[in-house]
Amino acid sequence: MKKDLRILFVSAEVAPYAKTGGLADVAGSLPGVLSDMGMDVQVVLPGYREIDAEQVYITDFPVKMGNRRETCVLKQVKDAAATTYTVNNYHYYHRNGLYMHHDDGERFAFLCKASLDLCKATGFKPDLIHMNDWHAGPVALLLEEEYKKKDPFYRDIKTVLTIHNLEYQGHFDKEILDLLGLPGELFVPEKVEFYGRFNFLKAGILYADKINTVSRTYSREILTPEYGEGLEGVLLNRRNDLFGIINGIDYNEFNPADDAFLYYAYDERNLSGKVQNKKELQKELGLPVNNDPIIGVVHRLVSQKGLDLVVETFEEMMAMGIQFVLLGIGDPHLEDTFTRLMEKYPDRVSVRIEFNEVLAHKIYAGSDIFLMPSRFEPCGLGQMISLRYGTIPVVRETGGLKDTIIDIDRDPEKGNGFSFSEYTPKAFIDALGRAVNVYRDNPGLWLDMIKRGLRTDFSWKNSAKEYFYVYNRTLKV
């Protein structure tokens, strides 16, 4: 296997510079681990106005967008774990927010073209381009249909596409093909057309040399109509090139032994700090300081996360004598619903409608049980983070949740949480009830599960080795 690989890593989000979800966490962690393994990894993301990291000017070059040229100003982020570039253009990125703009298709088409053009501008010829999610999908299309045909520099470059969440595909008007400088005959169902629109992700799936999703179970689920989001047929045709690699988490960022965001530090050998974190969390959130189990939720408030099951069973949850803590933003209906539940149970429920990294860490550490009853979950990071803090997850058996959480009743020796299969209120509340019962009635087992969680290794080192394997498989295509 070739060890000194040269990788260009393209992502619309990279933590800590630009983040709305788990994609940023992956793009912010994996390249650094790959670099530590000896690879030459260079990361590129859009130069959003909100990026406040110190950057230095590298060069600038024109990017052809249809019948005009846009200037790309290339800057390098200082002190990044892996070489990290931002592609800057005032017209596309000097505005508020990463997404939800009228010209998002054009903005990310620019990212794709600029990512390819910067290779020549900097003299960095990658062995492989690692594209992340729909925003980067057309890189593979451009590479095969234009760049390799016109310039020998690009002919040996391979591509890998990671699908972080198939639900988000990037549907835009046919005119995107003109902006990319590609012929109209590609706009057919066998190529990039998808129900009358250009589909960014479909372009990546069709043209990437290899594809992976972020868990083994999700890589199988997306081949079915239930989870395939209309692309299951396209994916079935590529199933021999499809892999599943579970995400990791940054064990330096999430470490209860030295997490500066926590009230008290703790580890497996000394759990008194976890008890103190619970008490301080209760005080900060205005909840009674007692031993009732705290149920924690830290999520985007979207239907995917299964929060409708929580709403439907909330009265039963309250009847269990629990405290409920939620942090997140998202669907206004869910925001209002949980706010009203807090108003109904002010001494039992705390709801914070905000993005708050510090409070998130405190909830992970101070809660007893962490909820992830997701309708679907490509990987999920919350369950891994909760285990890192000795907080026991209750999850639905889907995607990465199924791959990482072992139900204690199924395997008392290795069990690290509680899970359920059917997406129904009854199945969810039964699983939560089992967790609450063990918490109250079997403290010895509960303590064993806490320690088991703290010992679990979901760091990036194992997943990075799997990516290394896929990269080398790709180079043999």
Protein backbone atom coordinates (compact mmCIF):
# COMPACT_ATOMS: atom_id res chain seq x y z
CA MET A 1 0.00 0.00 0.00
CA LYS A 2 1.13 3.52 -0.77
CA LYS A 3 1.61 5.38 2.53
CA ASP A 4 2.70 8.85 1.42
CA LEU A 5 -0.61 9.67 -0.24
CA ARG A 6 -1.44 13.19 -1.40
CA ILE A 7 -5.08 13.96 -0.60
CA LEU A 8 -7.20 17.01 -1.43
CA PHE A 9 -10.09 17.10 1.04
CA VAL A 10 -13.05 19.21 -0.16
CA SER A 11 -15.81 20.14 2.29
CA ALA A 12 -18.39 22.91 2.65
CA GLU A 13 -17.80 22.89 6.41
CA VAL A 14 -14.69 22.39 8.52
CA ALA A 15 -14.67 22.74 12.31
CA PRO A 16 -13.87 24.98 14.04
CA TYR A 17 -13.92 27.50 11.18
CA ALA A 18 -17.39 26.93 9.68
CA LYS A 19 -19.91 24.54 11.20
CA THR A 20 -23.60 23.68 11.18
CA GLY A 21 -23.40 19.94 11.89
CA GLY A 22 -21.46 16.70 11.95
CA LEU A 23 -19.90 17.20 8.51
CA ALA A 24 -17.76 19.97 9.98
CA ASP A 25 -16.61 17.76 12.85
CA VAL A 26 -15.46 15.06 10.44
CA ALA A 27 -13.72 17.51 8.11
CA GLY A 28 -12.10 19.18 11.11
CA SER A 29 -10.74 15.96 12.62
CA LEU A 30 -10.05 13.31 9.98
CA PRO A 31 -7.49 15.27 7.87
CA GLY A 32 -5.31 15.90 10.91
CA VAL A 33 -5.26 12.20 11.81
CA LEU A 34 -4.44 11.28 8.21
CA SER A 35 -1.60 13.80 8.28
CA ASP A 36 -0.27 12.19 11.45
CA MET A 37 -0.25 8.87 9.56
CA GLY A 38 2.16 10.36 7.02
CA MET A 39 -0.19 11.54 4.28
CA ASP A 40 0.03 14.98 2.68
CA VAL A 41 -3.52 16.24 3.22
CA GLN A 42 -4.73 19.63 2.04
CA VAL A 43 -8.22 20.79 2.99
CA VAL A 44 -10.31 23.32 1.07
CA LEU A 45 -13.53 25.05 2.12
CA PRO A 46 -15.36 28.22 1.07
CA GLY A 47 -14.07 31.49 2.50
CA TYR A 48 -17.22 32.38 4.39
CA ARG A 49 -17.38 35.82 5.95
CA GLU A 50 -17.94 34.33 9.42
CA ILE A 51 -14.57 32.53 9.49
CA ASP A 52 -12.55 34.41 12.10
CA ALA A 53 -9.34 32.34 12.06
CA GLU A 54 -6.11 34.08 11.08
CA GLN A 55 -5.34 33.51 7.40
CA VAL A 56 -2.53 34.39 5.03
CA TYR A 57 -2.80 35.20 1.33
CA ILE A 58 -1.37 32.51 -0.97
CA THR A 59 -2.37 33.43 -4.53
CA ASP A 60 -5.32 34.27 -6.72
CA PHE A 61 -6.55 32.85 -10.02
CA PRO A 62 -9.56 33.10 -12.34
CA VAL A 63 -12.32 30.51 -12.23
CA LYS A 64 -14.47 30.21 -15.33
CA MET A 65 -18.16 30.26 -14.43
CA GLY A 66 -20.20 29.96 -17.62
CA ASN A 67 -19.37 32.87 -19.90
CA ARG A 68 -17.57 34.92 -17.26
CA ARG A 69 -14.60 34.62 -14.96
CA GLU A 70 -14.72 34.95 -11.18
CA THR A 71 -11.61 35.59 -9.13
CA CYS A 72 -10.65 33.08 -6.46
CA VAL A 73 -8.45 34.49 -3.71
CA LEU A 74 -6.73 31.56 -2.03
CA LYS A 75 -5.83 31.93 1.65
CA GLN A 76 -4.30 29.50 4.12
CA VAL A 77 -5.58 29.12 7.67
CA LYS A 78 -2.75 29.46 10.16
CA ASP A 79 -2.07 26.75 12.76
CA ALA A 80 -4.52 24.19 11.32
CA ALA A 81 -3.99 20.48 12.02
CA ALA A 82 -3.68 19.86 8.28
CA THR A 83 -2.91 22.40 5.54
CA THR A 84 -6.24 24.22 5.16
CA TYR A 85 -7.19 26.63 2.39
CA THR A 86 -10.20 28.88 1.94
CA VAL A 87 -11.38 29.78 -1.57
CA ASN A 88 -12.53 33.38 -1.29
CA ASN A 89 -14.86 35.32 -3.56
CA TYR A 90 -16.71 38.39 -2.33
CA HIS A 91 -19.69 37.81 -4.63
CA TYR A 92 -20.35 34.26 -3.38
CA TYR A 93 -19.27 34.16 0.26
CA HIS A 94 -19.31 37.65 1.77
CA ARG A 95 -22.75 37.23 3.31
CA ASN A 96 -24.40 35.89 6.46
CA GLY A 97 -24.82 32.14 6.85
CA LEU A 98 -23.34 29.15 5.10
CA TYR A 99 -26.49 27.99 3.28
CA MET A 100 -30.05 28.88 2.29
CA HIS A 101 -29.11 31.49 -0.30
CA HIS A 102 -30.87 31.85 -3.65
CA ASP A 103 -27.69 31.01 -5.56
CA ASP A 104 -26.35 28.09 -3.49
CA GLY A 105 -25.99 25.98 -6.62
CA GLU A 106 -23.69 28.55 -8.16
CA ARG A 107 -21.81 29.12 -4.89
CA PHE A 108 -20.91 25.44 -4.54
CA ALA A 109 -20.27 25.00 -8.26
CA PHE A 110 -17.59 27.66 -7.70
CA LEU A 111 -16.20 25.63 -4.78
CA CYS A 112 -15.92 22.57 -7.04
CA LYS A 113 -14.18 24.37 -9.89
CA ALA A 114 -11.92 26.40 -7.60
CA SER A 115 -10.85 23.21 -5.77
CA LEU A 116 -9.68 21.69 -9.04
CA ASP A 117 -8.07 24.90 -10.28
CA LEU A 118 -6.11 25.47 -7.07
CA CYS A 119 -4.22 22.21 -7.68
CA LYS A 120 -2.45 23.78 -10.64
CA ALA A 121 -2.27 27.21 -9.00
CA THR A 122 -0.37 25.77 -6.02
CA GLY A 123 1.43 22.94 -7.79
CA PHE A 124 -0.22 20.37 -5.54
CA LYS A 125 -1.18 17.33 -7.61
CA PRO A 126 -3.18 14.99 -5.38
CA ASP A 127 -3.31 11.25 -5.82
CA LEU A 128 -6.91 11.47 -4.77
CA ILE A 129 -9.63 14.05 -4.13
CA HIS A 130 -11.89 13.26 -1.16
CA MET A 131 -15.27 14.94 -1.74
CA ASN A 132 -17.70 15.39 1.13
CA ASP A 133 -21.46 15.46 0.63
CA TRP A 134 -23.45 17.06 -2.17
CA HIS A 135 -21.60 20.38 -2.20
CA ALA A 136 -18.48 18.71 -3.61
CA GLY A 137 -20.15 16.03 -5.78
CA PRO A 138 -19.59 17.79 -9.14
CA VAL A 139 -15.82 17.69 -8.60
CA ALA A 140 -15.81 14.10 -9.90
CA LEU A 141 -18.09 15.04 -12.80
CA LEU A 142 -15.86 17.96 -13.79
CA LEU A 143 -12.74 15.87 -13.45
CA GLU A 144 -14.00 13.15 -15.79
CA GLU A 145 -15.95 15.22 -18.33
CA GLU A 146 -13.66 18.23 -18.66
CA TYR A 147 -10.38 18.44 -16.75
CA LYS A 148 -8.97 15.01 -17.61
CA LYS A 149 -9.94 15.44 -21.26
CA LYS A 150 -8.25 18.82 -21.61
CA ASP A 151 -5.22 18.72 -19.30
CA PRO A 152 -2.78 15.82 -18.69
CA PHE A 153 -2.08 17.24 -15.21
CA TYR A 154 -5.40 15.81 -13.96
CA ARG A 155 -5.49 12.43 -15.72
CA ASP A 156 -4.23 10.22 -12.90
CA ILE A 157 -6.26 11.82 -10.10
CA LYS A 158 -8.82 9.53 -8.44
CA THR A 159 -11.89 10.46 -6.39
CA VAL A 160 -13.72 9.27 -3.27
CA LEU A 161 -17.14 10.59 -2.28
CA THR A 162 -18.33 10.44 1.32
CA ILE A 163 -22.10 10.62 1.76
CA HIS A 164 -22.65 12.05 5.22
CA ASN A 165 -26.43 12.32 4.85
CA LEU A 166 -28.29 11.18 1.73
CA GLU A 167 -31.30 13.32 2.59
CA TYR A 168 -29.41 16.43 1.45
CA GLN A 169 -28.62 16.17 -2.28
CA GLY A 170 -28.38 19.66 -3.78
CA HIS A 171 -31.16 20.04 -6.40
CA PHE A 172 -30.75 23.00 -8.75
CA ASP A 173 -31.80 24.19 -12.19
CA LYS A 174 -30.30 22.79 -15.38
CA GLU A 175 -28.33 26.02 -15.86
CA ILE A 176 -25.75 24.71 -13.37
CA LEU A 177 -24.36 22.66 -16.28
CA ASP A 178 -23.69 25.89 -18.19
CA LEU A 179 -21.91 27.40 -15.19
CA LEU A 180 -19.77 24.28 -14.91
CA GLY A 181 -18.99 24.50 -18.63
CA LEU A 182 -20.42 21.05 -19.34
CA PRO A 183 -22.56 19.93 -22.30
CA GLY A 184 -26.34 19.75 -22.11
CA GLU A 185 -26.40 16.09 -23.15
CA LEU A 186 -25.39 15.20 -19.58
CA PHE A 187 -28.83 16.38 -18.44
CA VAL A 188 -30.57 13.03 -18.84
CA PRO A 189 -31.84 10.54 -16.22
CA GLU A 190 -28.88 8.25 -16.90
CA LYS A 191 -26.55 11.09 -15.89
CA VAL A 192 -27.07 14.13 -13.64
CA GLU A 193 -30.76 14.89 -14.24
CA PHE A 194 -33.07 14.01 -11.33
CA TYR A 195 -36.78 14.75 -11.74
CA GLY A 196 -36.09 17.76 -13.93
CA ARG A 197 -33.25 19.22 -11.90
CA PHE A 198 -29.48 18.96 -11.66
CA ASN A 199 -28.56 16.79 -8.67
CA PHE A 200 -25.13 17.55 -7.14
CA LEU A 201 -24.96 14.35 -5.12
CA LYS A 202 -26.07 12.13 -7.99
CA ALA A 203 -23.23 13.59 -10.06
CA GLY A 204 -20.78 12.54 -7.37
CA ILE A 205 -22.27 9.06 -7.00
CA LEU A 206 -22.10 8.43 -10.73
CA TYR A 207 -18.59 9.74 -11.32
CA ALA A 208 -16.60 9.07 -8.11
CA ASP A 209 -14.22 6.12 -8.28
CA LYS A 210 -15.28 4.94 -4.82
CA ILE A 211 -18.09 5.93 -2.46
CA ASN A 212 -18.50 5.56 1.27
CA THR A 213 -21.05 6.37 3.88
CA VAL A 214 -20.39 7.01 7.54
CA SER A 215 -21.45 3.64 8.95
CA ARG A 216 -21.73 0.08 7.70
CA THR A 217 -25.44 -0.20 8.45
CA TYR A 218 -26.23 3.05 6.64
CA SER A 219 -24.29 1.84 3.58
CA ARG A 220 -26.76 -1.06 3.39
CA GLU A 221 -29.84 0.99 4.30
CA ILE A 222 -29.39 3.49 1.46
CA LEU A 223 -29.75 0.69 -1.08
CA THR A 224 -33.43 0.38 -0.09
CA PRO A 225 -36.44 2.57 -0.98
CA GLU A 226 -36.98 3.33 2.72
CA TYR A 227 -33.64 5.10 3.12
CA GLY A 228 -32.44 5.66 -0.46
CA GLU A 229 -34.13 9.06 -0.91
CA GLY A 230 -34.84 8.27 -4.56
CA LEU A 231 -31.22 7.40 -5.35
CA GLU A 232 -31.33 3.76 -4.28
CA GLY A 233 -31.27 2.58 -7.91
CA VAL A 234 -28.19 4.67 -8.73
CA LEU A 235 -26.49 3.41 -5.57
CA LEU A 236 -27.37 -0.21 -6.30
CA ASN A 237 -25.50 0.13 -9.57
CA ARG A 238 -22.43 1.28 -7.57
CA ARG A 239 -22.80 -1.14 -4.65
CA ASN A 240 -19.49 -2.88 -5.44
CA ASP A 241 -17.74 0.47 -4.98
CA LEU A 242 -19.63 1.39 -1.79
CA PHE A 243 -18.08 1.17 1.68
CA GLY A 244 -19.23 1.99 5.20
CA ILE A 245 -16.78 3.63 7.61
CA ILE A 246 -17.98 4.79 11.01
CA ASN A 247 -17.02 8.33 12.00
CA GLY A 248 -14.85 9.01 15.00
CA ILE A 249 -14.77 11.86 17.50
CA ASP A 250 -11.90 14.02 18.64
CA TYR A 251 -10.82 12.56 21.97
CA ASN A 252 -8.89 15.71 22.78
CA GLU A 253 -11.94 17.92 22.38
CA PHE A 254 -14.23 15.48 24.20
CA ASN A 255 -12.33 14.40 27.29
CA PRO A 256 -13.94 14.65 30.73
CA ALA A 257 -10.53 14.42 32.38
CA ASP A 258 -9.49 17.85 31.13
CA ASP A 259 -12.52 19.46 29.48
CA ALA A 260 -12.33 23.18 30.31
CA PHE A 261 -16.08 23.54 29.71
CA LEU A 262 -17.03 21.26 32.61
CA TYR A 263 -17.60 22.23 36.21
CA TYR A 264 -15.42 19.32 37.43
CA ALA A 265 -13.02 16.91 35.75
CA TYR A 266 -13.46 13.14 36.11
CA ASP A 267 -12.43 9.81 34.61
CA GLU A 268 -13.10 6.10 35.04
CA ARG A 269 -11.01 5.90 38.23
CA ASN A 270 -12.69 8.86 39.92
CA LEU A 271 -16.34 9.43 39.07
CA SER A 272 -17.10 11.91 41.83
CA GLY A 273 -16.69 14.71 39.28
CA LYS A 274 -19.54 13.32 37.21
CA VAL A 275 -21.83 13.46 40.24
CA GLN A 276 -20.77 17.07 40.86
CA ASN A 277 -21.32 17.97 37.21
CA LYS A 278 -24.90 16.76 37.49
CA LYS A 279 -25.55 18.92 40.55
CA GLU A 280 -24.01 22.01 38.97
CA LEU A 281 -25.97 21.47 35.75
CA GLN A 282 -29.18 21.29 37.76
CA LYS A 283 -28.28 24.54 39.51
CA GLU A 284 -27.40 26.34 36.27
CA LEU A 285 -30.62 25.26 34.58
CA GLY A 286 -32.83 25.99 37.59
CA LEU A 287 -33.79 22.38 38.26
CA PRO A 288 -34.08 20.78 41.71
CA VAL A 289 -30.78 19.33 42.87
CA ASN A 290 -31.68 15.70 43.48
CA ASN A 291 -30.94 12.21 42.21
CA ASP A 292 -33.74 11.99 39.65
CA PRO A 293 -32.31 10.80 36.33
CA ILE A 294 -31.52 13.62 33.92
CA ILE A 295 -32.47 12.85 30.33
CA GLY A 296 -30.31 14.91 27.97
CA VAL A 297 -30.90 15.92 24.33
CA VAL A 298 -28.36 17.88 22.27
CA HIS A 299 -29.47 17.89 18.63
CA ARG A 300 -30.56 19.90 15.68
CA LEU A 301 -34.33 20.04 16.10
CA VAL A 302 -35.34 18.26 12.89
CA SER A 303 -37.67 15.38 12.11
CA GLN A 304 -34.75 13.04 11.39
CA LYS A 305 -33.82 12.99 15.08
CA GLY A 306 -37.01 11.21 16.15
CA LEU A 307 -38.12 14.01 18.45
CA ASP A 308 -41.75 13.38 17.52
CA LEU A 309 -41.45 10.18 19.56
CA VAL A 310 -40.27 12.23 22.54
CA VAL A 311 -43.18 14.67 22.17
CA GLU A 312 -45.76 11.88 21.83
CA THR A 313 -44.54 10.13 24.98
CA PHE A 314 -43.65 13.17 27.05
CA GLU A 315 -46.37 12.67 29.66
CA GLU A 316 -45.22 9.08 30.16
CA MET A 317 -41.64 10.33 30.52
CA MET A 318 -42.71 12.79 33.19
CA ALA A 319 -44.57 9.98 35.00
CA MET A 320 -41.19 8.23 35.34
CA GLY A 321 -40.01 11.00 37.68
CA ILE A 322 -37.23 12.28 35.41
CA GLN A 323 -35.72 15.65 34.61
CA PHE A 324 -35.50 16.60 30.93
CA VAL A 325 -32.85 18.88 29.42
CA LEU A 326 -32.79 19.91 25.74
CA LEU A 327 -30.37 22.12 23.79
CA GLY A 328 -30.76 22.83 20.10
CA ILE A 329 -32.18 24.92 17.27
CA GLY A 330 -34.08 23.97 14.14
CA ASP A 331 -37.69 23.40 13.18
CA PRO A 332 -39.75 26.30 14.63
CA HIS A 333 -42.61 23.92 15.41
CA LEU A 334 -40.34 21.70 17.50
CA GLU A 335 -38.78 24.74 19.17
CA ASP A 336 -42.24 25.97 20.18
CA THR A 337 -43.42 22.53 21.26
CA PHE A 338 -40.51 21.94 23.64
CA THR A 339 -40.71 25.51 24.94
CA ARG A 340 -44.37 24.92 25.85
CA LEU A 341 -43.46 21.66 27.59
CA MET A 342 -40.92 23.57 29.69
CA GLU A 343 -43.61 26.09 30.61
CA LYS A 344 -45.87 23.22 31.66
CA TYR A 345 -43.15 21.56 33.78
CA PRO A 346 -40.88 24.43 34.87
CA ASP A 347 -39.33 22.48 37.75
CA ARG A 348 -38.68 19.34 35.69
CA VAL A 349 -37.79 20.57 32.20
CA SER A 350 -35.14 22.92 30.83
CA VAL A 351 -35.13 23.86 27.15
CA ARG A 352 -32.50 26.11 25.58
CA ILE A 353 -33.20 27.09 21.98
CA GLU A 354 -29.68 28.08 20.99
CA PHE A 355 -26.32 26.83 19.78
CA ASN A 356 -24.08 26.70 22.84
CA GLU A 357 -20.95 24.55 22.71
CA VAL A 358 -20.11 25.09 26.38
CA LEU A 359 -23.56 24.07 27.60
CA ALA A 360 -23.53 21.07 25.25
CA HIS A 361 -20.44 19.69 26.98
CA LYS A 362 -22.04 20.30 30.38
CA ILE A 363 -25.17 18.39 29.32
CA TYR A 364 -23.15 15.46 28.00
CA ALA A 365 -21.30 15.26 31.33
CA GLY A 366 -24.14 16.11 33.71
CA SER A 367 -26.89 13.94 32.25
CA ASP A 368 -27.51 10.33 33.17
CA ILE A 369 -29.22 9.26 29.93
CA PHE A 370 -28.80 10.64 26.41
CA LEU A 371 -31.59 10.32 23.82
CA MET A 372 -31.10 9.57 20.10
CA PRO A 373 -34.35 7.95 18.91
CA SER A 374 -33.57 8.86 15.30
CA ARG A 375 -35.82 8.06 12.37
CA PHE A 376 -32.57 7.48 10.50
CA GLU A 377 -28.97 8.27 11.47
CA PRO A 378 -26.12 7.92 8.94
CA CYS A 379 -23.57 7.81 11.75
CA GLY A 380 -24.39 9.96 14.74
CA LEU A 381 -21.79 11.57 16.95
CA GLY A 382 -23.94 12.29 19.99
CA GLN A 383 -24.05 8.68 21.16
CA MET A 384 -20.25 8.45 20.96
CA ILE A 385 -19.77 11.72 22.81
CA SER A 386 -22.23 10.70 25.52
CA LEU A 387 -20.35 7.44 26.11
CA ARG A 388 -17.12 9.44 26.29
CA TYR A 389 -18.69 11.29 29.24
CA GLY A 390 -20.15 8.17 30.86
CA THR A 391 -23.73 9.07 29.93
CA ILE A 392 -25.81 6.12 28.78
CA PRO A 393 -27.51 6.42 25.37
CA VAL A 394 -31.01 5.31 24.44
CA VAL A 395 -31.10 4.93 20.65
CA ARG A 396 -33.04 3.51 17.77
CA GLU A 397 -31.33 0.67 15.90
CA THR A 398 -30.57 2.46 12.64
CA GLY A 399 -27.43 3.50 10.79
CA GLY A 400 -24.44 4.30 12.96
CA LEU A 401 -26.51 3.98 16.13
CA LYS A 402 -26.95 0.28 15.42
CA ASP A 403 -23.23 -0.07 14.73
CA THR A 404 -22.07 1.61 17.94
CA ILE A 405 -24.63 0.87 20.66
CA ILE A 406 -25.13 -2.62 22.10
CA ASP A 407 -28.29 -3.14 24.15
CA ILE A 408 -27.44 -4.22 27.68
CA ASP A 409 -30.28 -6.76 27.74
CA ARG A 410 -28.96 -8.36 24.57
CA ASP A 411 -25.37 -8.56 25.77
CA PRO A 412 -24.81 -7.97 29.52
CA GLU A 413 -21.02 -8.28 29.08
CA LYS A 414 -20.60 -5.71 26.29
CA GLY A 415 -23.80 -3.68 26.48
CA ASN A 416 -23.26 0.08 26.52
CA GLY A 417 -26.79 1.42 26.12
CA PHE A 418 -30.44 0.71 25.40
CA SER A 419 -31.93 0.38 21.94
CA PHE A 420 -35.20 -0.28 20.13
CA SER A 421 -36.03 -1.25 16.56
CA GLU A 422 -39.56 -0.23 15.59
CA TYR A 423 -40.08 3.47 15.04
CA THR A 424 -43.06 3.73 17.37
CA PRO A 425 -43.78 5.65 20.59
CA LYS A 426 -44.28 2.37 22.46
CA ALA A 427 -40.92 0.92 21.40
CA PHE A 428 -39.18 4.16 22.38
CA ILE A 429 -40.81 4.58 25.78
CA ASP A 430 -40.21 0.91 26.60
CA ALA A 431 -36.48 1.33 25.93
CA LEU A 432 -36.31 4.52 27.99
CA GLY A 433 -38.26 2.82 30.77
CA ARG A 434 -35.72 0.00 30.88
CA ALA A 435 -32.93 2.56 31.19
CA VAL A 436 -34.64 4.43 34.03
CA ASN A 437 -35.35 1.17 35.85
CA VAL A 438 -31.71 0.07 35.70
CA TYR A 439 -30.60 3.53 36.86
CA ARG A 440 -32.91 3.31 39.90
CA ASP A 441 -32.89 -0.40 40.74
CA ASN A 442 -29.46 -1.70 39.74
CA PRO A 443 -26.81 0.90 40.58
CA GLY A 444 -24.03 -1.66 40.27
CA LEU A 445 -24.89 -2.43 36.66
CA TRP A 446 -25.35 1.27 35.95
CA LEU A 447 -21.88 1.99 37.28
CA ASP A 448 -20.45 -0.80 35.12
CA MET A 449 -22.10 0.75 32.05
CA ILE A 450 -20.71 4.18 32.88
CA LYS A 451 -17.19 2.78 33.12
CA ARG A 452 -17.69 0.72 29.97
CA GLY A 453 -18.67 3.87 28.12
CA LEU A 454 -15.65 5.77 29.40
CA ARG A 455 -13.40 2.94 28.19
CA THR A 456 -14.94 2.75 24.71
CA ASP A 457 -12.65 3.97 21.94
CA PHE A 458 -14.44 5.87 19.17
CA SER A 459 -11.42 8.00 18.33
CA TRP A 460 -10.49 8.60 14.71
CA LYS A 461 -7.46 6.29 14.68
CA ASN A 462 -9.40 3.16 13.67
CA SER A 463 -11.62 4.91 11.13
CA ALA A 464 -8.61 6.68 9.58
CA LYS A 465 -7.03 3.27 8.92
CA GLU A 466 -10.17 2.23 7.05
CA TYR A 467 -10.04 5.39 4.94
CA PHE A 468 -6.40 4.61 4.18
CA TYR A 469 -7.50 1.18 2.94
CA VAL A 470 -10.26 2.67 0.74
CA TYR A 471 -7.87 5.27 -0.67
CA ASN A 472 -5.47 2.54 -1.76
CA ARG A 473 -8.31 0.50 -3.23
CA THR A 474 -9.31 3.58 -5.18
CA LEU A 475 -5.84 4.12 -6.60
CA LYS A 476 -6.00 0.62 -8.11
CA VAL A 477 -9.14 1.45 -10.13
